[in-house]
Every structure is written in C-alpha cells, then in structure tokens.
Amino acid sequence: MPASSGSKSTTKASAKAAQDAPENYDAALRELEELVSQLDAGQLPLEELLGRYRRGAELLNFCRGRLEAVEQQIKVLEGDSLQPWEDD
C-alpha cells in the first residue's frame, strides 16, 4: 500500500529537523554565537536575516532544553533539591 502524501511530508520534515539539529550543546552554542555576530553586523538582506533569526530561535530552544535536562538530572542526584555551595 503506498504511503500517503501526508506521511511523506511528515517524514521529510522529521528528516530535515534531525539533519538541522545540532550535535550537542557546545555545537549549538557555537552556531548561535556565530549567528548573533552575523545579525549584529547588520549586513544581511531581509530574507536571510529572517532565516537566521529563526535558526537562532531554534538553537536557543535546543540549548534551553539541554540545560533544563541537566538541571533535572542534578536535582535527582541531589535528592530533588539543589544544595547550597559549602565553602570550607
């Protein structure tokens, strides 16, 4: 039975998202810093500016998600509450 066009577009969108996803937090942060520099330079045509702004928003969400995941792992390790730093 052939796949419907709806499932094809969903598959293509998923493949594109996976391809565009950064390898890790550090790679996302580097790309985000590069995009900010390009946007700050103010030398981009409007369409490119918008596309890079969108990419920056995606990267920002990726980084926030990673940081939240790490924070949750730390809370689990610390018994669901962050412990104050003790300076000996």
PDB file of N, CA and C in Angstrom:
ATOM      1  N   MET A   1       0.842  -1.165   0.000  1.00  0.00           N
ATOM      2  CA  MET A   1       0.000   0.000   0.000  1.00  0.00           C
ATOM      3  C   MET A   1       0.894   1.236   0.000  1.00  0.00           C
ATOM      4  N   PRO A   2       0.713   2.185  -0.921  1.00  0.00           N
ATOM      5  CA  PRO A   2       1.584   3.356  -0.973  1.00  0.00           C
ATOM      6  C   PRO A   2       1.343   4.294   0.189  1.00  0.00           C
ATOM      7  N   ALA A   3       2.405   4.972   0.583  1.00  0.00           N
ATOM      8  CA  ALA A   3       2.301   5.935   1.671  1.00  0.00           C
ATOM      9  C   ALA A   3       1.545   7.160   1.193  1.00  0.00           C
ATOM     10  N   SER A   4       0.771   7.741   2.075  1.00  0.00           N
ATOM     11  CA  SER A   4       0.027   8.934   1.711  1.00  0.00           C
ATOM     12  C   SER A   4       0.965  10.123   1.652  1.00  0.00           C
ATOM     13  N   SER A   5       0.552  11.163   0.933  1.00  0.00           N
ATOM     14  CA  SER A   5       1.402  12.338   0.810  1.00  0.00           C
ATOM     15  C   SER A   5       1.598  13.004   2.162  1.00  0.00           C
ATOM     16  N   GLY A   6       0.631  12.886   3.069  1.00  0.00           N
ATOM     17  CA  GLY A   6       0.764  13.452   4.408  1.00  0.00           C
ATOM     18  C   GLY A   6       1.902  12.815   5.176  1.00  0.00           C
ATOM     19  N   SER A   7       2.017  11.499   5.079  1.00  0.00           N
ATOM     20  CA  SER A   7       3.100  10.835   5.802  1.00  0.00           C
ATOM     21  C   SER A   7       4.453  11.122   5.163  1.00  0.00           C
ATOM     22  N   LYS A   8       4.471  11.344   3.834  1.00  0.00           N
ATOM     23  CA  LYS A   8       5.719  11.705   3.169  1.00  0.00           C
ATOM     24  C   LYS A   8       6.218  13.054   3.653  1.00  0.00           C
ATOM     25  N   SER A   9       5.309  14.028   3.759  1.00  0.00           N
ATOM     26  CA  SER A   9       5.736  15.354   4.197  1.00  0.00           C
ATOM     27  C   SER A   9       6.167  15.323   5.660  1.00  0.00           C
ATOM     28  N   THR A  10       5.503  14.508   6.472  1.00  0.00           N
ATOM     29  CA  THR A  10       5.896  14.368   7.870  1.00  0.00           C
ATOM     30  C   THR A  10       7.281  13.746   7.967  1.00  0.00           C
ATOM     31  N   THR A  11       7.540  12.733   7.148  1.00  0.00           N
ATOM     32  CA  THR A  11       8.839  12.079   7.134  1.00  0.00           C
ATOM     33  C   THR A  11       9.915  13.049   6.686  1.00  0.00           C
ATOM     34  N   LYS A  12       9.642  13.843   5.649  1.00  0.00           N
ATOM     35  CA  LYS A  12      10.616  14.820   5.175  1.00  0.00           C
ATOM     36  C   LYS A  12      10.888  15.872   6.242  1.00  0.00           C
ATOM     37  N   ALA A  13       9.838  16.328   6.917  1.00  0.00           N
ATOM     38  CA  ALA A  13      10.006  17.336   7.967  1.00  0.00           C
ATOM     39  C   ALA A  13      10.836  16.765   9.118  1.00  0.00           C
ATOM     40  N   SER A  14      10.577  15.513   9.488  1.00  0.00           N
ATOM     41  CA  SER A  14      11.336  14.883  10.566  1.00  0.00           C
ATOM     42  C   SER A  14      12.795  14.714  10.171  1.00  0.00           C
ATOM     43  N   ALA A  15      13.036  14.318   8.930  1.00  0.00           N
ATOM     44  CA  ALA A  15      14.406  14.134   8.461  1.00  0.00           C
ATOM     45  C   ALA A  15      15.145  15.467   8.430  1.00  0.00           C
ATOM     46  N   LYS A  16      14.479  16.532   7.978  1.00  0.00           N
ATOM     47  CA  LYS A  16      15.101  17.852   7.939  1.00  0.00           C
ATOM     48  C   LYS A  16      15.417  18.333   9.348  1.00  0.00           C
ATOM     49  N   ALA A  17      14.483  18.143  10.282  1.00  0.00           N
ATOM     50  CA  ALA A  17      14.706  18.567  11.661  1.00  0.00           C
ATOM     51  C   ALA A  17      15.886  17.809  12.268  1.00  0.00           C
ATOM     52  N   ALA A  18      15.971  16.516  12.006  1.00  0.00           N
ATOM     53  CA  ALA A  18      17.078  15.713  12.533  1.00  0.00           C
ATOM     54  C   ALA A  18      18.395  16.162  11.913  1.00  0.00           C
ATOM     55  N   GLN A  19      18.369  16.489  10.620  1.00  0.00           N
ATOM     56  CA  GLN A  19      19.577  16.930   9.936  1.00  0.00           C
ATOM     57  C   GLN A  19      20.026  18.288  10.468  1.00  0.00           C
ATOM     58  N   ASP A  20      19.086  19.173  10.768  1.00  0.00           N
ATOM     59  CA  ASP A  20      19.403  20.521  11.231  1.00  0.00           C
ATOM     60  C   ASP A  20      19.704  20.584  12.721  1.00  0.00           C
ATOM     61  N   ALA A  21      19.389  19.542  13.462  1.00  0.00           N
ATOM     62  CA  ALA A  21      19.627  19.549  14.910  1.00  0.00           C
ATOM     63  C   ALA A  21      21.130  19.541  15.170  1.00  0.00           C
ATOM     64  N   PRO A  22      21.571  20.367  16.107  1.00  0.00           N
ATOM     65  CA  PRO A  22      22.995  20.385  16.435  1.00  0.00           C
ATOM     66  C   PRO A  22      23.425  19.064  17.064  1.00  0.00           C
ATOM     67  N   GLU A  23      24.707  18.774  16.956  1.00  0.00           N
ATOM     68  CA  GLU A  23      25.255  17.548  17.540  1.00  0.00           C
ATOM     69  C   GLU A  23      25.101  17.531  19.047  1.00  0.00           C
ATOM     70  N   ASN A  24      25.379  18.677  19.663  1.00  0.00           N
ATOM     71  CA  ASN A  24      25.353  18.764  21.114  1.00  0.00           C
ATOM     72  C   ASN A  24      25.221  20.222  21.530  1.00  0.00           C
ATOM     73  N   TYR A  25      25.216  20.450  22.823  1.00  0.00           N
ATOM     74  CA  TYR A  25      25.057  21.803  23.366  1.00  0.00           C
ATOM     75  C   TYR A  25      26.162  22.738  22.890  1.00  0.00           C
ATOM     76  N   ASP A  26      27.401  22.282  22.931  1.00  0.00           N
ATOM     77  CA  ASP A  26      28.529  23.132  22.543  1.00  0.00           C
ATOM     78  C   ASP A  26      28.453  23.539  21.078  1.00  0.00           C
ATOM     79  N   ALA A  27      28.078  22.601  20.214  1.00  0.00           N
ATOM     80  CA  ALA A  27      27.939  22.922  18.790  1.00  0.00           C
ATOM     81  C   ALA A  27      26.814  23.934  18.578  1.00  0.00           C
ATOM     82  N   ALA A  28      25.716  23.771  19.294  1.00  0.00           N
ATOM     83  CA  ALA A  28      24.592  24.704  19.187  1.00  0.00           C
ATOM     84  C   ALA A  28      25.002  26.088  19.659  1.00  0.00           C
ATOM     85  N   LEU A  29      25.734  26.154  20.758  1.00  0.00           N
ATOM     86  CA  LEU A  29      26.166  27.434  21.296  1.00  0.00           C
ATOM     87  C   LEU A  29      27.123  28.144  20.341  1.00  0.00           C
ATOM     88  N   ARG A  30      28.050  27.400  19.742  1.00  0.00           N
ATOM     89  CA  ARG A  30      28.976  27.996  18.771  1.00  0.00           C
ATOM     90  C   ARG A  30      28.219  28.564  17.575  1.00  0.00           C
ATOM     91  N   GLU A  31      27.273  27.780  17.055  1.00  0.00           N
ATOM     92  CA  GLU A  31      26.487  28.244  15.909  1.00  0.00           C
ATOM     93  C   GLU A  31      25.647  29.462  16.283  1.00  0.00           C
ATOM     94  N   LEU A  32      25.071  29.449  17.463  1.00  0.00           N
ATOM     95  CA  LEU A  32      24.264  30.571  17.922  1.00  0.00           C
ATOM     96  C   LEU A  32      25.120  31.836  18.053  1.00  0.00           C
ATOM     97  N   GLU A  33      26.315  31.709  18.601  1.00  0.00           N
ATOM     98  CA  GLU A  33      27.217  32.864  18.724  1.00  0.00           C
ATOM     99  C   GLU A  33      27.593  33.419  17.347  1.00  0.00           C
ATOM    100  N   GLU A  34      27.815  32.524  16.395  1.00  0.00           N
ATOM    101  CA  GLU A  34      28.136  32.957  15.026  1.00  0.00           C
ATOM    102  C   GLU A  34      26.951  33.702  14.401  1.00  0.00           C
ATOM    103  N   LEU A  35      25.751  33.177  14.613  1.00  0.00           N
ATOM    104  CA  LEU A  35      24.553  33.834  14.077  1.00  0.00           C
ATOM    105  C   LEU A  35      24.366  35.220  14.695  1.00  0.00           C
ATOM    106  N   VAL A  36      24.586  35.337  15.987  1.00  0.00           N
ATOM    107  CA  VAL A  36      24.440  36.635  16.660  1.00  0.00           C
ATOM    108  C   VAL A  36      25.424  37.634  16.063  1.00  0.00           C
ATOM    109  N   SER A  37      26.645  37.201  15.810  1.00  0.00           N
ATOM    110  CA  SER A  37      27.645  38.090  15.199  1.00  0.00           C
ATOM    111  C   SER A  37      27.191  38.546  13.820  1.00  0.00           C
ATOM    112  N   GLN A  38      26.652  37.633  13.031  1.00  0.00           N
ATOM    113  CA  GLN A  38      26.166  37.978  11.697  1.00  0.00           C
ATOM    114  C   GLN A  38      24.992  38.947  11.770  1.00  0.00           C
ATOM    115  N   LEU A  39      24.090  38.704  12.711  1.00  0.00           N
ATOM    116  CA  LEU A  39      22.929  39.584  12.854  1.00  0.00           C
ATOM    117  C   LEU A  39      23.357  40.966  13.339  1.00  0.00           C
ATOM    118  N   ASP A  40      24.315  41.008  14.254  1.00  0.00           N
ATOM    119  CA  ASP A  40      24.808  42.283  14.779  1.00  0.00           C
ATOM    120  C   ASP A  40      25.507  43.111  13.704  1.00  0.00           C
ATOM    121  N   ALA A  41      26.118  42.445  12.731  1.00  0.00           N
ATOM    122  CA  ALA A  41      26.829  43.155  11.674  1.00  0.00           C
ATOM    123  C   ALA A  41      25.870  43.984  10.817  1.00  0.00           C
ATOM    124  N   GLY A  42      24.611  43.550  10.733  1.00  0.00           N
ATOM    125  CA  GLY A  42      23.608  44.311  10.002  1.00  0.00           C
ATOM    126  C   GLY A  42      23.817  44.358   8.505  1.00  0.00           C
ATOM    127  N   GLN A  43      24.502  43.395   7.933  1.00  0.00           N
ATOM    128  CA  GLN A  43      24.806  43.404   6.504  1.00  0.00           C
ATOM    129  C   GLN A  43      24.015  42.375   5.701  1.00  0.00           C
ATOM    130  N   LEU A  44      22.998  41.765   6.311  1.00  0.00           N
ATOM    131  CA  LEU A  44      22.254  40.708   5.637  1.00  0.00           C
ATOM    132  C   LEU A  44      21.002  41.249   4.971  1.00  0.00           C
ATOM    133  N   PRO A  45      20.652  40.687   3.810  1.00  0.00           N
ATOM    134  CA  PRO A  45      19.356  41.019   3.215  1.00  0.00           C
ATOM    135  C   PRO A  45      18.236  40.538   4.139  1.00  0.00           C
ATOM    136  N   LEU A  46      17.075  41.137   4.007  1.00  0.00           N
ATOM    137  CA  LEU A  46      15.960  40.870   4.914  1.00  0.00           C
ATOM    138  C   LEU A  46      15.605  39.387   4.996  1.00  0.00           C
ATOM    139  N   GLU A  47      15.527  38.697   3.871  1.00  0.00           N
ATOM    140  CA  GLU A  47      15.155  37.271   3.878  1.00  0.00           C
ATOM    141  C   GLU A  47      16.179  36.431   4.629  1.00  0.00           C
ATOM    142  N   GLU A  48      17.452  36.704   4.413  1.00  0.00           N
ATOM    143  CA  GLU A  48      18.497  35.969   5.138  1.00  0.00           C
ATOM    144  C   GLU A  48      18.456  36.293   6.622  1.00  0.00           C
ATOM    145  N   LEU A  49      18.207  37.547   6.924  1.00  0.00           N
ATOM    146  CA  LEU A  49      18.105  37.981   8.313  1.00  0.00           C
ATOM    147  C   LEU A  49      17.011  37.202   9.037  1.00  0.00           C
ATOM    148  N   LEU A  50      15.858  37.103   8.401  1.00  0.00           N
ATOM    149  CA  LEU A  50      14.734  36.373   8.991  1.00  0.00           C
ATOM    150  C   LEU A  50      15.061  34.894   9.154  1.00  0.00           C
ATOM    151  N   GLY A  51      15.669  34.291   8.150  1.00  0.00           N
ATOM    152  CA  GLY A  51      16.036  32.877   8.231  1.00  0.00           C
ATOM    153  C   GLY A  51      17.035  32.602   9.334  1.00  0.00           C
ATOM    154  N   ARG A  52      17.989  33.476   9.485  1.00  0.00           N
ATOM    155  CA  ARG A  52      18.997  33.281  10.531  1.00  0.00           C
ATOM    156  C   ARG A  52      18.421  33.552  11.909  1.00  0.00           C
ATOM    157  N   TYR A  53      17.480  34.487  11.977  1.00  0.00           N
ATOM    158  CA  TYR A  53      16.796  34.733  13.250  1.00  0.00           C
ATOM    159  C   TYR A  53      16.020  33.486  13.669  1.00  0.00           C
ATOM    160  N   ARG A  54      15.316  32.881  12.713  1.00  0.00           N
ATOM    161  CA  ARG A  54      14.567  31.640  13.009  1.00  0.00           C
ATOM    162  C   ARG A  54      15.503  30.535  13.475  1.00  0.00           C
ATOM    163  N   ARG A  55      16.631  30.379  12.781  1.00  0.00           N
ATOM    164  CA  ARG A  55      17.599  29.355  13.170  1.00  0.00           C
ATOM    165  C   ARG A  55      18.124  29.638  14.584  1.00  0.00           C
ATOM    166  N   GLY A  56      18.375  30.899  14.874  1.00  0.00           N
ATOM    167  CA  GLY A  56      18.835  31.268  16.208  1.00  0.00           C
ATOM    168  C   GLY A  56      17.816  30.900  17.273  1.00  0.00           C
ATOM    169  N   ALA A  57      16.541  31.119  16.968  1.00  0.00           N
ATOM    170  CA  ALA A  57      15.481  30.758  17.917  1.00  0.00           C
ATOM    171  C   ALA A  57      15.455  29.248  18.139  1.00  0.00           C
ATOM    172  N   GLU A  58      15.647  28.475  17.075  1.00  0.00           N
ATOM    173  CA  GLU A  58      15.696  27.008  17.203  1.00  0.00           C
ATOM    174  C   GLU A  58      16.874  26.589  18.082  1.00  0.00           C
ATOM    175  N   LEU A  59      18.020  27.191  17.839  1.00  0.00           N
ATOM    176  CA  LEU A  59      19.210  26.857  18.622  1.00  0.00           C
ATOM    177  C   LEU A  59      19.045  27.248  20.082  1.00  0.00           C
ATOM    178  N   LEU A  60      18.431  28.397  20.318  1.00  0.00           N
ATOM    179  CA  LEU A  60      18.184  28.834  21.682  1.00  0.00           C
ATOM    180  C   LEU A  60      17.278  27.849  22.416  1.00  0.00           C
ATOM    181  N   ASN A  61      16.230  27.383  21.751  1.00  0.00           N
ATOM    182  CA  ASN A  61      15.338  26.386  22.354  1.00  0.00           C
ATOM    183  C   ASN A  61      16.070  25.081  22.625  1.00  0.00           C
ATOM    184  N   PHE A  62      16.939  24.676  21.707  1.00  0.00           N
ATOM    185  CA  PHE A  62      17.734  23.463  21.892  1.00  0.00           C
ATOM    186  C   PHE A  62      18.612  23.597  23.135  1.00  0.00           C
ATOM    187  N   CYS A  63      19.321  24.731  23.255  1.00  0.00           N
ATOM    188  CA  CYS A  63      20.213  24.956  24.401  1.00  0.00           C
ATOM    189  C   CYS A  63      19.434  24.990  25.709  1.00  0.00           C
ATOM    190  N   ARG A  64      18.306  25.675  25.713  1.00  0.00           N
ATOM    191  CA  ARG A  64      17.477  25.729  26.921  1.00  0.00           C
ATOM    192  C   ARG A  64      17.006  24.335  27.326  1.00  0.00           C
ATOM    193  N   GLY A  65      16.616  23.545  26.347  1.00  0.00           N
ATOM    194  CA  GLY A  65      16.173  22.177  26.633  1.00  0.00           C
ATOM    195  C   GLY A  65      17.276  21.343  27.251  1.00  0.00           C
ATOM    196  N   ARG A  66      18.482  21.476  26.708  1.00  0.00           N
ATOM    197  CA  ARG A  66      19.623  20.733  27.263  1.00  0.00           C
ATOM    198  C   ARG A  66      19.929  21.172  28.688  1.00  0.00           C
ATOM    199  N   LEU A  67      19.904  22.486  28.928  1.00  0.00           N
ATOM    200  CA  LEU A  67      20.177  22.994  30.272  1.00  0.00           C
ATOM    201  C   LEU A  67      19.122  22.539  31.267  1.00  0.00           C
ATOM    202  N   GLU A  68      17.861  22.532  30.856  1.00  0.00           N
ATOM    203  CA  GLU A  68      16.795  22.060  31.737  1.00  0.00           C
ATOM    204  C   GLU A  68      16.957  20.579  32.050  1.00  0.00           C
ATOM    205  N   ALA A  69      17.374  19.794  31.054  1.00  0.00           N
ATOM    206  CA  ALA A  69      17.590  18.365  31.280  1.00  0.00           C
ATOM    207  C   ALA A  69      18.716  18.140  32.282  1.00  0.00           C
ATOM    208  N   VAL A  70      19.783  18.897  32.152  1.00  0.00           N
ATOM    209  CA  VAL A  70      20.905  18.767  33.086  1.00  0.00           C
ATOM    210  C   VAL A  70      20.465  19.185  34.486  1.00  0.00           C
ATOM    211  N   GLU A  71      19.704  20.268  34.581  1.00  0.00           N
ATOM    212  CA  GLU A  71      19.217  20.717  35.889  1.00  0.00           C
ATOM    213  C   GLU A  71      18.360  19.639  36.552  1.00  0.00           C
ATOM    214  N   GLN A  72      17.516  18.978  35.775  1.00  0.00           N
ATOM    215  CA  GLN A  72      16.683  17.906  36.325  1.00  0.00           C
ATOM    216  C   GLN A  72      17.540  16.741  36.811  1.00  0.00           C
ATOM    217  N   GLN A  73      18.582  16.410  36.063  1.00  0.00           N
ATOM    218  CA  GLN A  73      19.475  15.328  36.484  1.00  0.00           C
ATOM    219  C   GLN A  73      20.185  15.697  37.784  1.00  0.00           C
ATOM    220  N   ILE A  74      20.596  16.931  37.916  1.00  0.00           N
ATOM    221  CA  ILE A  74      21.265  17.375  39.150  1.00  0.00           C
ATOM    222  C   ILE A  74      20.295  17.304  40.322  1.00  0.00           C
ATOM    223  N   LYS A  75      19.049  17.706  40.109  1.00  0.00           N
ATOM    224  CA  LYS A  75      18.052  17.632  41.174  1.00  0.00           C
ATOM    225  C   LYS A  75      17.845  16.198  41.632  1.00  0.00           C
ATOM    226  N   VAL A  76      17.847  15.274  40.698  1.00  0.00           N
ATOM    227  CA  VAL A  76      17.701  13.862  41.058  1.00  0.00           C
ATOM    228  C   VAL A  76      18.900  13.419  41.886  1.00  0.00           C
ATOM    229  N   LEU A  77      20.087  13.798  41.454  1.00  0.00           N
ATOM    230  CA  LEU A  77      21.292  13.404  42.181  1.00  0.00           C
ATOM    231  C   LEU A  77      21.373  14.054  43.557  1.00  0.00           C
ATOM    232  N   GLU A  78      20.804  15.237  43.694  1.00  0.00           N
ATOM    233  CA  GLU A  78      20.842  15.964  44.961  1.00  0.00           C
ATOM    234  C   GLU A  78      19.591  15.723  45.800  1.00  0.00           C
ATOM    235  N   GLY A  79      18.788  14.754  45.436  1.00  0.00           N
ATOM    236  CA  GLY A  79      17.593  14.446  46.209  1.00  0.00           C
ATOM    237  C   GLY A  79      16.464  15.438  45.978  1.00  0.00           C
ATOM    238  N   ASP A  80      16.293  15.880  44.755  1.00  0.00           N
ATOM    239  CA  ASP A  80      15.210  16.766  44.320  1.00  0.00           C
ATOM    240  C   ASP A  80      15.300  18.178  44.888  1.00  0.00           C
ATOM    241  N   SER A  81      16.442  18.544  45.420  1.00  0.00           N
ATOM    242  CA  SER A  81      16.628  19.932  45.845  1.00  0.00           C
ATOM    243  C   SER A  81      18.097  20.288  45.688  1.00  0.00           C
ATOM    244  N   LEU A  82      18.352  21.418  45.081  1.00  0.00           N
ATOM    245  CA  LEU A  82      19.735  21.840  44.895  1.00  0.00           C
ATOM    246  C   LEU A  82      20.326  22.210  46.252  1.00  0.00           C
ATOM    247  N   GLN A  83      21.521  21.753  46.510  1.00  0.00           N
ATOM    248  CA  GLN A  83      22.181  22.014  47.783  1.00  0.00           C
ATOM    249  C   GLN A  83      22.996  23.295  47.685  1.00  0.00           C
ATOM    250  N   PRO A  84      23.028  24.093  48.742  1.00  0.00           N
ATOM    251  CA  PRO A  84      23.865  25.299  48.712  1.00  0.00           C
ATOM    252  C   PRO A  84      25.332  24.922  48.646  1.00  0.00           C
ATOM    253  N   TRP A  85      26.102  25.783  47.994  1.00  0.00           N
ATOM    254  CA  TRP A  85      27.543  25.569  47.878  1.00  0.00           C
ATOM    255  C   TRP A  85      28.176  25.803  49.244  1.00  0.00           C
ATOM    256  N   GLU A  86      28.954  24.828  49.708  1.00  0.00           N
ATOM    257  CA  GLU A  86      29.613  24.962  51.007  1.00  0.00           C
ATOM    258  C   GLU A  86      31.073  25.292  50.762  1.00  0.00           C
ATOM    259  N   ASP A  87      31.474  26.423  51.283  1.00  0.00           N
ATOM    260  CA  ASP A  87      32.855  26.881  51.137  1.00  0.00           C
ATOM    261  C   ASP A  87      33.620  26.509  52.399  1.00  0.00           C
ATOM    262  N   ASP A  88      34.502  25.530  52.314  1.00  0.00           N
ATOM    263  CA  ASP A  88      35.257  25.090  53.500  1.00  0.00           C
ATOM    264  C   ASP A  88      36.511  25.880  53.692  1.00  0.00           C
TER     265      ASP A  88
END
